Amino acid sequence: MVEWPKSGEVAPLITKLLGVPLIVRKLPPNPLWKNDTKFFDRYDNPAATYLHCCADVNNPQWWGVAGPEWQREVGSVIVLREDGKDISREQVWAIMDFCRFYLTDYFESSTGTTKAARETMVQRYICKKRFEKWLVNFKEEMVEGEGDWWADFKSPYNE
């Protein structure tokens, strides 16, 4: 198990709701990137941004949107399970893709609605059952698109 200081870490609510509680820490930018105009978006990290979308039903102002600190110049991050269990890069990839490509439509459709509607969205879509169902298709797509090394992919619930 990796030990690290608690300062600077963030625990995205979405991952807690999914039952795979993660903690995320931004890494300092690589100083070699500072003057690299070839890759202007080195500090962008949309996967980490979507992981931090607000799923707090009591916060309609930020509902479905990442806080400002996760919208620009996010850079590289380290991700660990808050419960100390192992997690692979592929499992982190899957969780981030779920947030980015699946949940965004549901956040959008429930923006500006009542607290009850946001609660229903969370109960229906940001849960273990929905994520596991989504993972089946995700794995198939990854094997087809990325190669057989995804064939051994296991759900983060199996760790």
N, C-alpha and C. Protein backbone atom coordinates (compact mmCIF):
# COMPACT_ATOMS: atom_id res chain seq x y z
N MET A 1 0.84 -1.18 0.00
CA MET A 1 0.00 0.00 0.00
C MET A 1 0.89 1.24 0.00
N VAL A 2 0.52 2.22 -0.79
CA VAL A 2 1.27 3.46 -0.90
C VAL A 2 0.84 4.41 0.22
N GLU A 3 1.81 5.00 0.89
CA GLU A 3 1.55 6.02 1.91
C GLU A 3 1.92 7.37 1.33
N TRP A 4 1.11 8.37 1.58
CA TRP A 4 1.45 9.71 1.16
C TRP A 4 0.79 10.71 2.07
N PRO A 5 1.33 11.93 2.12
CA PRO A 5 0.73 12.95 2.98
C PRO A 5 -0.68 13.28 2.51
N LYS A 6 -1.56 13.65 3.42
CA LYS A 6 -2.95 13.93 3.09
C LYS A 6 -3.16 15.28 2.41
N SER A 7 -2.23 16.21 2.55
CA SER A 7 -2.44 17.53 1.96
C SER A 7 -2.44 17.45 0.44
N GLY A 8 -3.34 18.21 -0.18
CA GLY A 8 -3.38 18.29 -1.63
C GLY A 8 -4.19 17.20 -2.31
N GLU A 9 -4.79 16.33 -1.55
CA GLU A 9 -5.57 15.27 -2.19
C GLU A 9 -7.04 15.64 -2.23
N VAL A 10 -7.73 15.07 -3.19
CA VAL A 10 -9.15 15.29 -3.36
C VAL A 10 -9.82 13.94 -3.52
N ALA A 11 -10.97 13.77 -2.89
CA ALA A 11 -11.73 12.53 -3.00
C ALA A 11 -13.01 12.81 -3.79
N PRO A 12 -13.03 12.54 -5.09
CA PRO A 12 -14.22 12.83 -5.90
C PRO A 12 -15.45 12.08 -5.41
N LEU A 13 -16.55 12.81 -5.21
CA LEU A 13 -17.79 12.22 -4.71
C LEU A 13 -18.30 11.12 -5.65
N ILE A 14 -18.16 11.32 -6.95
CA ILE A 14 -18.65 10.31 -7.90
C ILE A 14 -18.06 8.94 -7.58
N THR A 15 -16.78 8.89 -7.28
CA THR A 15 -16.15 7.59 -7.03
C THR A 15 -16.67 6.96 -5.74
N LYS A 16 -17.00 7.78 -4.77
CA LYS A 16 -17.60 7.25 -3.53
C LYS A 16 -18.98 6.68 -3.82
N LEU A 17 -19.75 7.40 -4.64
CA LEU A 17 -21.09 6.93 -4.99
C LEU A 17 -21.03 5.63 -5.79
N LEU A 18 -19.98 5.46 -6.59
CA LEU A 18 -19.81 4.22 -7.36
C LEU A 18 -19.33 3.06 -6.48
N GLY A 19 -18.87 3.36 -5.28
CA GLY A 19 -18.35 2.32 -4.40
C GLY A 19 -16.89 1.99 -4.65
N VAL A 20 -16.20 2.86 -5.38
CA VAL A 20 -14.77 2.73 -5.63
C VAL A 20 -14.13 4.07 -5.23
N PRO A 21 -14.01 4.31 -3.94
CA PRO A 21 -13.55 5.62 -3.50
C PRO A 21 -12.09 5.87 -3.85
N LEU A 22 -11.88 6.92 -4.63
CA LEU A 22 -10.53 7.28 -5.06
C LEU A 22 -10.09 8.57 -4.38
N ILE A 23 -8.78 8.72 -4.30
CA ILE A 23 -8.20 10.00 -3.94
C ILE A 23 -7.28 10.40 -5.08
N VAL A 24 -7.29 11.68 -5.39
CA VAL A 24 -6.57 12.19 -6.54
C VAL A 24 -5.68 13.35 -6.10
N ARG A 25 -4.48 13.35 -6.59
CA ARG A 25 -3.57 14.45 -6.31
C ARG A 25 -2.95 14.91 -7.62
N LYS A 26 -2.96 16.23 -7.79
CA LYS A 26 -2.29 16.82 -8.95
C LYS A 26 -0.78 16.76 -8.72
N LEU A 27 -0.06 16.51 -9.80
CA LEU A 27 1.40 16.53 -9.75
C LEU A 27 1.90 17.88 -10.24
N PRO A 28 3.05 18.31 -9.76
CA PRO A 28 3.62 19.56 -10.29
C PRO A 28 3.91 19.40 -11.77
N PRO A 29 3.74 20.46 -12.54
CA PRO A 29 4.01 20.35 -13.98
C PRO A 29 5.48 20.08 -14.25
N ASN A 30 5.72 19.35 -15.29
CA ASN A 30 7.08 19.09 -15.73
C ASN A 30 7.67 20.40 -16.24
N PRO A 31 8.77 20.87 -15.66
CA PRO A 31 9.34 22.15 -16.10
C PRO A 31 9.76 22.15 -17.57
N LEU A 32 10.00 20.99 -18.15
CA LEU A 32 10.37 20.93 -19.56
C LEU A 32 9.21 21.33 -20.47
N TRP A 33 7.98 21.28 -19.95
CA TRP A 33 6.81 21.62 -20.76
C TRP A 33 6.61 23.12 -20.89
N LYS A 34 7.21 23.89 -20.04
CA LYS A 34 6.93 25.32 -19.96
C LYS A 34 7.04 26.03 -21.30
N ASN A 35 8.08 25.77 -22.03
CA ASN A 35 8.30 26.46 -23.30
C ASN A 35 8.01 25.58 -24.50
N ASP A 36 7.34 24.47 -24.29
CA ASP A 36 7.06 23.54 -25.37
C ASP A 36 5.78 23.97 -26.09
N THR A 37 5.92 24.66 -27.17
CA THR A 37 4.76 25.13 -27.93
C THR A 37 4.22 24.05 -28.88
N LYS A 38 4.97 22.99 -29.04
CA LYS A 38 4.53 21.90 -29.91
C LYS A 38 3.27 21.23 -29.36
N PHE A 39 3.22 21.10 -28.05
CA PHE A 39 2.06 20.48 -27.40
C PHE A 39 1.46 21.49 -26.44
N PHE A 40 0.60 22.34 -26.96
CA PHE A 40 0.05 23.44 -26.17
C PHE A 40 -0.88 22.98 -25.05
N ASP A 41 -1.38 21.77 -25.14
CA ASP A 41 -2.38 21.32 -24.17
C ASP A 41 -1.82 20.31 -23.17
N ARG A 42 -0.55 20.35 -22.90
CA ARG A 42 0.06 19.39 -21.98
C ARG A 42 -0.55 19.45 -20.59
N TYR A 43 -1.06 20.60 -20.22
CA TYR A 43 -1.62 20.75 -18.87
C TYR A 43 -3.10 20.38 -18.81
N ASP A 44 -3.72 20.14 -19.95
CA ASP A 44 -5.12 19.72 -19.96
C ASP A 44 -5.22 18.25 -19.59
N ASN A 45 -6.25 17.93 -18.84
CA ASN A 45 -6.50 16.54 -18.45
C ASN A 45 -8.00 16.37 -18.31
N PRO A 46 -8.72 16.29 -19.45
CA PRO A 46 -10.17 16.21 -19.39
C PRO A 46 -10.68 15.01 -18.59
N ALA A 47 -9.95 13.91 -18.61
CA ALA A 47 -10.39 12.74 -17.85
C ALA A 47 -10.46 13.07 -16.36
N ALA A 48 -9.43 13.73 -15.85
CA ALA A 48 -9.43 14.11 -14.44
C ALA A 48 -10.49 15.17 -14.17
N THR A 49 -10.71 16.05 -15.12
CA THR A 49 -11.74 17.08 -14.96
C THR A 49 -13.11 16.45 -14.79
N TYR A 50 -13.47 15.54 -15.67
CA TYR A 50 -14.80 14.91 -15.60
C TYR A 50 -14.96 14.04 -14.35
N LEU A 51 -13.89 13.49 -13.87
CA LEU A 51 -13.94 12.71 -12.63
C LEU A 51 -14.39 13.57 -11.45
N HIS A 52 -14.14 14.87 -11.56
CA HIS A 52 -14.45 15.80 -10.47
C HIS A 52 -15.73 16.61 -10.69
N CYS A 53 -16.59 16.15 -11.60
CA CYS A 53 -17.87 16.83 -11.76
C CYS A 53 -18.66 16.74 -10.46
N CYS A 54 -19.33 17.81 -10.13
CA CYS A 54 -20.07 17.89 -8.87
C CYS A 54 -21.31 16.99 -8.92
N ALA A 55 -21.37 16.03 -8.01
CA ALA A 55 -22.52 15.13 -7.89
C ALA A 55 -23.25 15.36 -6.57
N ASP A 56 -23.02 16.51 -5.98
CA ASP A 56 -23.68 16.88 -4.73
C ASP A 56 -25.05 17.46 -5.07
N VAL A 57 -26.11 16.72 -4.74
CA VAL A 57 -27.47 17.14 -5.09
C VAL A 57 -27.86 18.44 -4.40
N ASN A 58 -27.15 18.81 -3.35
CA ASN A 58 -27.43 20.06 -2.64
C ASN A 58 -26.69 21.26 -3.22
N ASN A 59 -26.00 21.06 -4.32
CA ASN A 59 -25.21 22.14 -4.92
C ASN A 59 -25.62 22.34 -6.38
N PRO A 60 -26.79 22.92 -6.62
CA PRO A 60 -27.25 23.10 -8.01
C PRO A 60 -26.37 24.04 -8.82
N GLN A 61 -25.66 24.95 -8.17
CA GLN A 61 -24.81 25.89 -8.89
C GLN A 61 -23.70 25.18 -9.65
N TRP A 62 -23.09 24.16 -9.04
CA TRP A 62 -21.97 23.44 -9.66
C TRP A 62 -22.38 22.05 -10.16
N TRP A 63 -23.64 21.70 -10.09
CA TRP A 63 -24.11 20.38 -10.48
C TRP A 63 -23.59 19.98 -11.85
N GLY A 64 -22.89 18.85 -11.92
CA GLY A 64 -22.41 18.31 -13.18
C GLY A 64 -21.19 19.01 -13.76
N VAL A 65 -20.64 19.96 -13.01
CA VAL A 65 -19.48 20.72 -13.49
C VAL A 65 -18.35 20.56 -12.48
N ALA A 66 -17.15 20.43 -12.99
CA ALA A 66 -15.99 20.36 -12.10
C ALA A 66 -15.69 21.75 -11.55
N GLY A 67 -15.17 21.78 -10.34
CA GLY A 67 -14.77 23.05 -9.75
C GLY A 67 -13.68 23.72 -10.57
N PRO A 68 -13.50 25.02 -10.38
CA PRO A 68 -12.53 25.76 -11.19
C PRO A 68 -11.12 25.18 -11.16
N GLU A 69 -10.71 24.64 -10.02
CA GLU A 69 -9.36 24.09 -9.92
C GLU A 69 -9.16 22.84 -10.77
N TRP A 70 -10.26 22.27 -11.28
CA TRP A 70 -10.18 21.08 -12.12
C TRP A 70 -10.54 21.36 -13.58
N GLN A 71 -10.71 22.63 -13.92
CA GLN A 71 -11.11 22.97 -15.28
C GLN A 71 -9.96 23.40 -16.19
N ARG A 72 -8.92 23.96 -15.63
CA ARG A 72 -7.81 24.46 -16.44
C ARG A 72 -6.49 24.03 -15.83
N GLU A 73 -5.56 23.71 -16.71
CA GLU A 73 -4.20 23.38 -16.29
C GLU A 73 -4.16 22.34 -15.17
N VAL A 74 -4.92 21.29 -15.36
CA VAL A 74 -4.97 20.21 -14.37
C VAL A 74 -3.65 19.45 -14.35
N GLY A 75 -3.15 19.13 -15.52
CA GLY A 75 -1.89 18.39 -15.60
C GLY A 75 -2.04 16.93 -15.20
N SER A 76 -0.92 16.33 -14.88
CA SER A 76 -0.89 14.92 -14.51
C SER A 76 -1.39 14.75 -13.08
N VAL A 77 -1.96 13.58 -12.83
CA VAL A 77 -2.47 13.28 -11.50
C VAL A 77 -2.05 11.88 -11.08
N ILE A 78 -2.04 11.65 -9.79
CA ILE A 78 -1.88 10.31 -9.23
C ILE A 78 -3.22 9.93 -8.62
N VAL A 79 -3.64 8.69 -8.86
CA VAL A 79 -4.92 8.22 -8.36
C VAL A 79 -4.69 6.96 -7.53
N LEU A 80 -5.24 6.96 -6.34
CA LEU A 80 -5.18 5.80 -5.45
C LEU A 80 -6.58 5.51 -4.93
N ARG A 81 -6.79 4.28 -4.50
CA ARG A 81 -8.05 3.96 -3.83
C ARG A 81 -7.97 4.43 -2.39
N GLU A 82 -9.00 5.11 -1.96
CA GLU A 82 -9.06 5.62 -0.59
C GLU A 82 -9.10 4.49 0.42
N ASP A 83 -9.65 3.34 0.02
CA ASP A 83 -9.76 2.20 0.93
C ASP A 83 -8.49 1.34 0.96
N GLY A 84 -7.46 1.76 0.21
CA GLY A 84 -6.17 1.06 0.23
C GLY A 84 -6.09 -0.15 -0.68
N LYS A 85 -7.18 -0.52 -1.33
CA LYS A 85 -7.15 -1.65 -2.25
C LYS A 85 -6.41 -1.28 -3.53
N ASP A 86 -5.96 -2.30 -4.25
CA ASP A 86 -5.27 -2.08 -5.52
C ASP A 86 -6.24 -1.55 -6.56
N ILE A 87 -5.70 -0.76 -7.47
CA ILE A 87 -6.45 -0.31 -8.63
C ILE A 87 -5.47 -0.19 -9.79
N SER A 88 -5.86 -0.69 -10.93
CA SER A 88 -4.99 -0.65 -12.11
C SER A 88 -5.24 0.63 -12.90
N ARG A 89 -4.31 0.93 -13.78
CA ARG A 89 -4.50 2.11 -14.64
C ARG A 89 -5.71 1.93 -15.54
N GLU A 90 -5.97 0.68 -15.95
CA GLU A 90 -7.13 0.41 -16.79
C GLU A 90 -8.44 0.65 -16.03
N GLN A 91 -8.46 0.31 -14.75
CA GLN A 91 -9.65 0.54 -13.94
C GLN A 91 -9.88 2.04 -13.74
N VAL A 92 -8.80 2.79 -13.53
CA VAL A 92 -8.92 4.24 -13.42
C VAL A 92 -9.42 4.80 -14.75
N TRP A 93 -8.87 4.32 -15.84
CA TRP A 93 -9.29 4.72 -17.18
C TRP A 93 -10.80 4.49 -17.34
N ALA A 94 -11.26 3.32 -16.93
CA ALA A 94 -12.68 3.00 -17.06
C ALA A 94 -13.55 3.96 -16.24
N ILE A 95 -13.16 4.22 -15.02
CA ILE A 95 -13.94 5.14 -14.17
C ILE A 95 -13.97 6.53 -14.79
N MET A 96 -12.83 6.99 -15.28
CA MET A 96 -12.78 8.31 -15.89
C MET A 96 -13.62 8.36 -17.17
N ASP A 97 -13.57 7.32 -17.97
CA ASP A 97 -14.40 7.28 -19.18
C ASP A 97 -15.88 7.24 -18.84
N PHE A 98 -16.24 6.51 -17.82
CA PHE A 98 -17.64 6.47 -17.37
C PHE A 98 -18.12 7.88 -17.03
N CYS A 99 -17.30 8.61 -16.30
CA CYS A 99 -17.66 9.98 -15.93
C CYS A 99 -17.74 10.88 -17.16
N ARG A 100 -16.76 10.74 -18.03
CA ARG A 100 -16.63 11.66 -19.17
C ARG A 100 -17.64 11.37 -20.28
N PHE A 101 -17.83 10.11 -20.61
CA PHE A 101 -18.63 9.78 -21.79
C PHE A 101 -20.02 9.23 -21.48
N TYR A 102 -20.26 8.86 -20.25
CA TYR A 102 -21.57 8.32 -19.90
C TYR A 102 -22.36 9.27 -19.02
N LEU A 103 -21.77 9.71 -17.94
CA LEU A 103 -22.52 10.52 -16.98
C LEU A 103 -22.83 11.93 -17.46
N THR A 104 -22.04 12.47 -18.36
CA THR A 104 -22.24 13.86 -18.77
C THR A 104 -23.64 14.12 -19.32
N ASP A 105 -24.19 13.20 -20.10
CA ASP A 105 -25.55 13.39 -20.63
C ASP A 105 -26.58 13.45 -19.51
N TYR A 106 -26.39 12.62 -18.49
CA TYR A 106 -27.34 12.61 -17.38
C TYR A 106 -27.20 13.84 -16.50
N PHE A 107 -25.97 14.31 -16.33
CA PHE A 107 -25.79 15.57 -15.62
C PHE A 107 -26.48 16.70 -16.38
N GLU A 108 -26.25 16.73 -17.68
CA GLU A 108 -26.82 17.79 -18.50
C GLU A 108 -28.35 17.79 -18.45
N SER A 109 -28.94 16.59 -18.56
CA SER A 109 -30.40 16.52 -18.57
C SER A 109 -31.02 16.84 -17.21
N SER A 110 -30.25 16.76 -16.15
CA SER A 110 -30.80 17.07 -14.82
C SER A 110 -30.34 18.43 -14.29
N THR A 111 -29.61 19.18 -15.10
CA THR A 111 -29.20 20.53 -14.71
C THR A 111 -30.42 21.43 -14.71
N GLY A 112 -30.54 22.26 -13.68
CA GLY A 112 -31.67 23.17 -13.57
C GLY A 112 -32.95 22.52 -13.07
N THR A 113 -32.85 21.29 -12.63
CA THR A 113 -34.03 20.59 -12.13
C THR A 113 -34.08 20.68 -10.60
N THR A 114 -35.02 19.99 -10.04
CA THR A 114 -35.19 20.00 -8.59
C THR A 114 -34.17 19.09 -7.91
N LYS A 115 -34.05 19.28 -6.62
CA LYS A 115 -33.17 18.40 -5.84
C LYS A 115 -33.62 16.95 -5.98
N ALA A 116 -34.92 16.72 -5.97
CA ALA A 116 -35.46 15.36 -6.10
C ALA A 116 -35.04 14.73 -7.43
N ALA A 117 -35.05 15.52 -8.49
CA ALA A 117 -34.64 15.00 -9.81
C ALA A 117 -33.15 14.68 -9.82
N ARG A 118 -32.35 15.52 -9.16
CA ARG A 118 -30.92 15.24 -9.08
C ARG A 118 -30.66 13.99 -8.23
N GLU A 119 -31.42 13.83 -7.17
CA GLU A 119 -31.29 12.62 -6.34
C GLU A 119 -31.62 11.37 -7.15
N THR A 120 -32.67 11.45 -7.95
CA THR A 120 -33.06 10.32 -8.80
C THR A 120 -31.95 10.00 -9.79
N MET A 121 -31.35 11.03 -10.37
CA MET A 121 -30.25 10.82 -11.32
C MET A 121 -29.10 10.10 -10.63
N VAL A 122 -28.73 10.53 -9.45
CA VAL A 122 -27.63 9.90 -8.71
C VAL A 122 -27.96 8.45 -8.41
N GLN A 123 -29.15 8.20 -7.91
CA GLN A 123 -29.53 6.83 -7.55
C GLN A 123 -29.56 5.91 -8.75
N ARG A 124 -30.00 6.40 -9.89
CA ARG A 124 -30.11 5.56 -11.09
C ARG A 124 -28.80 5.37 -11.84
N TYR A 125 -27.98 6.42 -11.90
CA TYR A 125 -26.85 6.40 -12.81
C TYR A 125 -25.46 6.42 -12.17
N ILE A 126 -25.34 6.95 -10.98
CA ILE A 126 -24.02 6.98 -10.34
C ILE A 126 -24.02 5.93 -9.24
N CYS A 127 -24.04 4.68 -9.69
CA CYS A 127 -24.14 3.56 -8.76
C CYS A 127 -23.39 2.35 -9.32
N LYS A 128 -23.10 1.44 -8.44
CA LYS A 128 -22.35 0.23 -8.79
C LYS A 128 -23.05 -0.56 -9.91
N LYS A 129 -24.35 -0.75 -9.79
CA LYS A 129 -25.10 -1.55 -10.76
C LYS A 129 -24.96 -0.98 -12.18
N ARG A 130 -25.14 0.34 -12.31
CA ARG A 130 -25.07 0.97 -13.62
C ARG A 130 -23.64 0.93 -14.16
N PHE A 131 -22.66 1.16 -13.28
CA PHE A 131 -21.25 1.15 -13.70
C PHE A 131 -20.85 -0.25 -14.16
N GLU A 132 -21.24 -1.28 -13.43
CA GLU A 132 -20.89 -2.65 -13.83
C GLU A 132 -21.50 -3.00 -15.18
N LYS A 133 -22.74 -2.58 -15.41
CA LYS A 133 -23.38 -2.83 -16.70
C LYS A 133 -22.62 -2.12 -17.81
N TRP A 134 -22.25 -0.87 -17.56
CA TRP A 134 -21.48 -0.09 -18.53
C TRP A 134 -20.13 -0.72 -18.80
N LEU A 135 -19.49 -1.29 -17.76
CA LEU A 135 -18.16 -1.90 -17.89
C LEU A 135 -18.13 -3.05 -18.90
N VAL A 136 -19.21 -3.79 -19.02
CA VAL A 136 -19.26 -4.91 -19.97
C VAL A 136 -19.03 -4.39 -21.39
N ASN A 137 -19.76 -3.34 -21.77
CA ASN A 137 -19.58 -2.76 -23.11
C ASN A 137 -18.23 -2.09 -23.25
N PHE A 138 -17.80 -1.41 -22.20
CA PHE A 138 -16.49 -0.74 -22.22
C PHE A 138 -15.38 -1.74 -22.52
N LYS A 139 -15.39 -2.86 -21.83
CA LYS A 139 -14.35 -3.87 -22.02
C LYS A 139 -14.37 -4.40 -23.46
N GLU A 140 -15.55 -4.68 -23.98
CA GLU A 140 -15.66 -5.17 -25.36
C GLU A 140 -15.10 -4.15 -26.35
N GLU A 141 -15.44 -2.88 -26.14
CA GLU A 141 -14.94 -1.83 -27.03
C GLU A 141 -13.43 -1.68 -26.93
N MET A 142 -12.90 -1.82 -25.74
CA MET A 142 -11.45 -1.66 -25.55
C MET A 142 -10.69 -2.83 -26.17
N VAL A 143 -11.21 -4.03 -26.03
CA VAL A 143 -10.55 -5.19 -26.65
C VAL A 143 -10.56 -5.02 -28.17
N GLU A 144 -11.69 -4.59 -28.70
CA GLU A 144 -11.81 -4.41 -30.15
C GLU A 144 -10.92 -3.26 -30.64
N GLY A 145 -10.89 -2.17 -29.92
CA GLY A 145 -10.17 -0.99 -30.39
C GLY A 145 -8.71 -0.90 -29.97
N GLU A 146 -8.39 -1.40 -28.78
CA GLU A 146 -7.05 -1.24 -28.23
C GLU A 146 -6.22 -2.53 -28.25
N GLY A 147 -6.89 -3.66 -28.33
CA GLY A 147 -6.15 -4.91 -28.40
C GLY A 147 -6.48 -5.88 -27.29
N ASP A 148 -5.94 -7.08 -27.44
CA ASP A 148 -6.25 -8.18 -26.53
C ASP A 148 -5.74 -7.98 -25.11
N TRP A 149 -4.81 -7.05 -24.91
CA TRP A 149 -4.30 -6.85 -23.55
C TRP A 149 -5.43 -6.38 -22.62
N TRP A 150 -6.55 -5.90 -23.18
CA TRP A 150 -7.70 -5.52 -22.36
C TRP A 150 -8.55 -6.75 -21.99
N ALA A 151 -8.28 -7.89 -22.60
CA ALA A 151 -9.10 -9.08 -22.33
C ALA A 151 -9.05 -9.50 -20.87
N ASP A 152 -7.95 -9.21 -20.18
CA ASP A 152 -7.82 -9.58 -18.78
C ASP A 152 -8.34 -8.50 -17.82
N PHE A 153 -8.94 -7.47 -18.37
CA PHE A 153 -9.45 -6.38 -17.54
C PHE A 153 -10.48 -6.91 -16.54
N LYS A 154 -10.34 -6.49 -15.30
CA LYS A 154 -11.27 -6.88 -14.25
C LYS A 154 -11.92 -5.64 -13.65
N SER A 155 -13.14 -5.79 -13.26
CA SER A 155 -13.87 -4.71 -12.61
C SER A 155 -13.15 -4.30 -11.33
N PRO A 156 -13.17 -3.03 -10.98
CA PRO A 156 -12.54 -2.61 -9.71
C PRO A 156 -13.25 -3.18 -8.48
N TYR A 157 -14.42 -3.74 -8.67
CA TYR A 157 -15.14 -4.37 -7.56
C TYR A 157 -14.58 -5.78 -7.26
N ASN A 158 -13.79 -6.32 -8.21
CA ASN A 158 -13.24 -7.67 -8.04
C ASN A 158 -11.91 -7.66 -7.31
N GLU A 159 -11.41 -6.49 -6.97
CA GLU A 159 -10.08 -6.41 -6.32
C GLU A 159 -10.18 -6.76 -4.85
